[in-house]
C-alpha cells in the first residue's frame, strides 16, 4: 500500500505539518479503490486523482468532473517517488477548465 502525505503550502514551512491523505474522503464521493496507486490509469490511480483534486479544491463536483482526465494526463505519469506542488494542481485545473472545447 502506498502512503500519500500532504503539506499545506498556504502555511509557512515552520507551521506546516504533514498529514496523511487517506482514500476514505474521496471514496465517500466515488469509490474506485480502497487504496492509492500511481504510474498507471488503474482504479488506485483514479482514487488518488479524485483525492488530490478533492483535497485541493474542497469541492466534490470539481473533483468528480476532472478526476478521469487528471488520472490520464497527470497521475498515470507520476514516477515511483514524487512531489506534486499545490500550484501544479491549480494550474492543471485552470488550464483544463479554461480550454477551448475540442482542444
C-alpha atoms as a PDB file:
ATOM      1  CA  UNK A   1       0.000   0.000   0.000  1.00  0.00           C
ATOM      2  CA  UNK A   2       1.275   3.434  -0.926  1.00  0.00           C
ATOM      3  CA  UNK A   3       1.221   6.339   1.508  1.00  0.00           C
ATOM      4  CA  UNK A   4       0.496   9.888   0.374  1.00  0.00           C
ATOM      5  CA  UNK A   5       1.399  12.855   2.554  1.00  0.00           C
ATOM      6  CA  UNK A   6       0.082  16.391   2.111  1.00  0.00           C
ATOM      7  CA  UNK A   7       1.866  19.538   3.242  1.00  0.00           C
ATOM      8  CA  UNK A   8      -0.327  22.649   3.281  1.00  0.00           C
ATOM      9  CA  UNK A   9       1.563  25.160   1.145  1.00  0.00           C
ATOM     10  CA  UNK A  10      -0.573  28.032   2.463  1.00  0.00           C
ATOM     11  CA  UNK A  11       1.217  27.734   5.801  1.00  0.00           C
ATOM     12  CA  UNK A  12       4.790  28.761   6.392  1.00  0.00           C
ATOM     13  CA  UNK A  13       7.355  25.954   6.443  1.00  0.00           C
ATOM     14  CA  UNK A  14       7.697  26.254  10.215  1.00  0.00           C
ATOM     15  CA  UNK A  15       3.902  25.877  10.638  1.00  0.00           C
ATOM     16  CA  UNK A  16       3.125  23.251   8.005  1.00  0.00           C
ATOM     17  CA  UNK A  17       2.530  19.830   9.484  1.00  0.00           C
ATOM     18  CA  UNK A  18       2.465  16.882   7.101  1.00  0.00           C
ATOM     19  CA  UNK A  19      -0.761  14.904   7.154  1.00  0.00           C
ATOM     20  CA  UNK A  20      -1.660  11.663   5.522  1.00  0.00           C
ATOM     21  CA  UNK A  21      -4.090  11.745   2.623  1.00  0.00           C
ATOM     22  CA  UNK A  22      -6.442   8.836   3.156  1.00  0.00           C
ATOM     23  CA  UNK A  23      -8.645   7.314   0.458  1.00  0.00           C
ATOM     24  CA  UNK A  24     -11.840   7.372   2.562  1.00  0.00           C
ATOM     25  CA  UNK A  25     -12.848  11.017   1.998  1.00  0.00           C
ATOM     26  CA  UNK A  26     -12.603  10.572  -1.757  1.00  0.00           C
ATOM     27  CA  UNK A  27     -14.273   7.143  -1.553  1.00  0.00           C
ATOM     28  CA  UNK A  28     -17.265   8.880   0.015  1.00  0.00           C
ATOM     29  CA  UNK A  29     -17.522  10.871  -3.233  1.00  0.00           C
ATOM     30  CA  UNK A  30     -16.819   7.940  -5.575  1.00  0.00           C
ATOM     31  CA  UNK A  31     -15.410   4.562  -4.661  1.00  0.00           C
ATOM     32  CA  UNK A  32     -12.850   3.428  -7.226  1.00  0.00           C
ATOM     33  CA  UNK A  33     -10.410   1.638  -4.932  1.00  0.00           C
ATOM     34  CA  UNK A  34      -9.616   1.156  -1.244  1.00  0.00           C
ATOM     35  CA  UNK A  35      -6.013   2.288  -1.815  1.00  0.00           C
ATOM     36  CA  UNK A  36      -3.950   4.756  -3.803  1.00  0.00           C
ATOM     37  CA  UNK A  37      -1.647   3.906  -6.690  1.00  0.00           C
ATOM     38  CA  UNK A  38       0.042   5.930  -9.422  1.00  0.00           C
ATOM     39  CA  UNK A  39       2.059   5.387 -12.546  1.00  0.00           C
ATOM     40  CA  UNK A  40      -0.856   3.802 -14.410  1.00  0.00           C
ATOM     41  CA  UNK A  41      -4.501   4.584 -15.157  1.00  0.00           C
ATOM     42  CA  UNK A  42      -5.978   1.891 -12.884  1.00  0.00           C
ATOM     43  CA  UNK A  43      -8.522   2.190 -10.108  1.00  0.00           C
ATOM     44  CA  UNK A  44      -5.965   3.129  -7.426  1.00  0.00           C
ATOM     45  CA  UNK A  45      -4.669   5.944  -9.636  1.00  0.00           C
ATOM     46  CA  UNK A  46      -8.218   7.125 -10.262  1.00  0.00           C
ATOM     47  CA  UNK A  47      -8.839   7.184  -6.494  1.00  0.00           C
ATOM     48  CA  UNK A  48      -5.643   9.189  -5.956  1.00  0.00           C
ATOM     49  CA  UNK A  49      -6.594  11.672  -8.682  1.00  0.00           C
ATOM     50  CA  UNK A  50     -10.009  12.140  -7.101  1.00  0.00           C
ATOM     51  CA  UNK A  51      -8.472  12.536  -3.632  1.00  0.00           C
ATOM     52  CA  UNK A  52      -5.879  15.091  -4.770  1.00  0.00           C
ATOM     53  CA  UNK A  53      -8.480  17.180  -6.583  1.00  0.00           C
ATOM     54  CA  UNK A  54     -10.906  16.949  -3.672  1.00  0.00           C
ATOM     55  CA  UNK A  55      -8.207  17.866  -1.152  1.00  0.00           C
ATOM     56  CA  UNK A  56      -7.075  20.818  -3.259  1.00  0.00           C
ATOM     57  CA  UNK A  57     -10.470  22.195  -4.273  1.00  0.00           C
ATOM     58  CA  UNK A  58     -12.614  21.136  -1.323  1.00  0.00           C
ATOM     59  CA  UNK A  59     -15.376  20.619  -3.875  1.00  0.00           C
ATOM     60  CA  UNK A  60     -16.687  17.174  -4.770  1.00  0.00           C
ATOM     61  CA  UNK A  61     -18.301  18.405  -8.019  1.00  0.00           C
ATOM     62  CA  UNK A  62     -14.946  19.763  -9.254  1.00  0.00           C
ATOM     63  CA  UNK A  63     -13.151  16.577  -8.225  1.00  0.00           C
ATOM     64  CA  UNK A  64     -15.738  14.368  -9.946  1.00  0.00           C
ATOM     65  CA  UNK A  65     -15.705  16.450 -13.108  1.00  0.00           C
ATOM     66  CA  UNK A  66     -11.939  16.321 -13.561  1.00  0.00           C
ATOM     67  CA  UNK A  67     -10.576  13.168 -11.889  1.00  0.00           C
ATOM     68  CA  UNK A  68     -10.696  10.987 -15.037  1.00  0.00           C
ATOM     69  CA  UNK A  69      -8.658  13.389 -17.217  1.00  0.00           C
ATOM     70  CA  UNK A  70      -6.391  14.172 -14.241  1.00  0.00           C
ATOM     71  CA  UNK A  71      -5.698  10.443 -13.907  1.00  0.00           C
ATOM     72  CA  UNK A  72      -4.908  10.105 -17.602  1.00  0.00           C
ATOM     73  CA  UNK A  73      -2.878  13.280 -18.073  1.00  0.00           C
ATOM     74  CA  UNK A  74      -1.128  13.548 -14.700  1.00  0.00           C
ATOM     75  CA  UNK A  75      -1.367  10.739 -12.131  1.00  0.00           C
ATOM     76  CA  UNK A  76      -0.585   7.914 -14.548  1.00  0.00           C
ATOM     77  CA  UNK A  77       2.671   9.682 -15.416  1.00  0.00           C
ATOM     78  CA  UNK A  78       3.901  10.039 -11.816  1.00  0.00           C
ATOM     79  CA  UNK A  79       7.160   8.205 -11.078  1.00  0.00           C
ATOM     80  CA  UNK A  80       7.549   5.845  -8.128  1.00  0.00           C
ATOM     81  CA  UNK A  81       8.634   8.743  -5.873  1.00  0.00           C
ATOM     82  CA  UNK A  82       7.040  12.133  -6.428  1.00  0.00           C
ATOM     83  CA  UNK A  83       6.070  15.503  -5.069  1.00  0.00           C
ATOM     84  CA  UNK A  84       3.152  17.454  -6.503  1.00  0.00           C
ATOM     85  CA  UNK A  85       3.125  21.126  -5.573  1.00  0.00           C
ATOM     86  CA  UNK A  86      -0.356  22.503  -4.949  1.00  0.00           C
ATOM     87  CA  UNK A  87       0.376  25.073  -7.654  1.00  0.00           C
ATOM     88  CA  UNK A  88       0.685  22.258 -10.223  1.00  0.00           C
ATOM     89  CA  UNK A  89      -2.829  21.073  -9.397  1.00  0.00           C
ATOM     90  CA  UNK A  90      -4.142  24.643  -9.504  1.00  0.00           C
ATOM     91  CA  UNK A  91      -2.541  25.260 -12.901  1.00  0.00           C
ATOM     92  CA  UNK A  92      -3.748  21.932 -14.270  1.00  0.00           C
ATOM     93  CA  UNK A  93      -7.324  22.712 -13.215  1.00  0.00           C
ATOM     94  CA  UNK A  94      -7.122  26.248 -14.570  1.00  0.00           C
ATOM     95  CA  UNK A  95      -5.846  25.064 -17.942  1.00  0.00           C
ATOM     96  CA  UNK A  96      -8.449  22.321 -18.324  1.00  0.00           C
ATOM     97  CA  UNK A  97     -11.363  24.404 -17.066  1.00  0.00           C
ATOM     98  CA  UNK A  98     -10.459  27.204 -19.474  1.00  0.00           C
ATOM     99  CA  UNK A  99      -9.512  25.125 -22.510  1.00  0.00           C
ATOM    100  CA  UNK A 100     -11.469  25.611 -25.689  1.00  0.00           C
ATOM    101  CA  UNK A 101     -13.921  22.799 -26.465  1.00  0.00           C
ATOM    102  CA  UNK A 102     -12.272  20.085 -28.519  1.00  0.00           C
ATOM    103  CA  UNK A 103      -8.711  21.105 -27.605  1.00  0.00           C
END
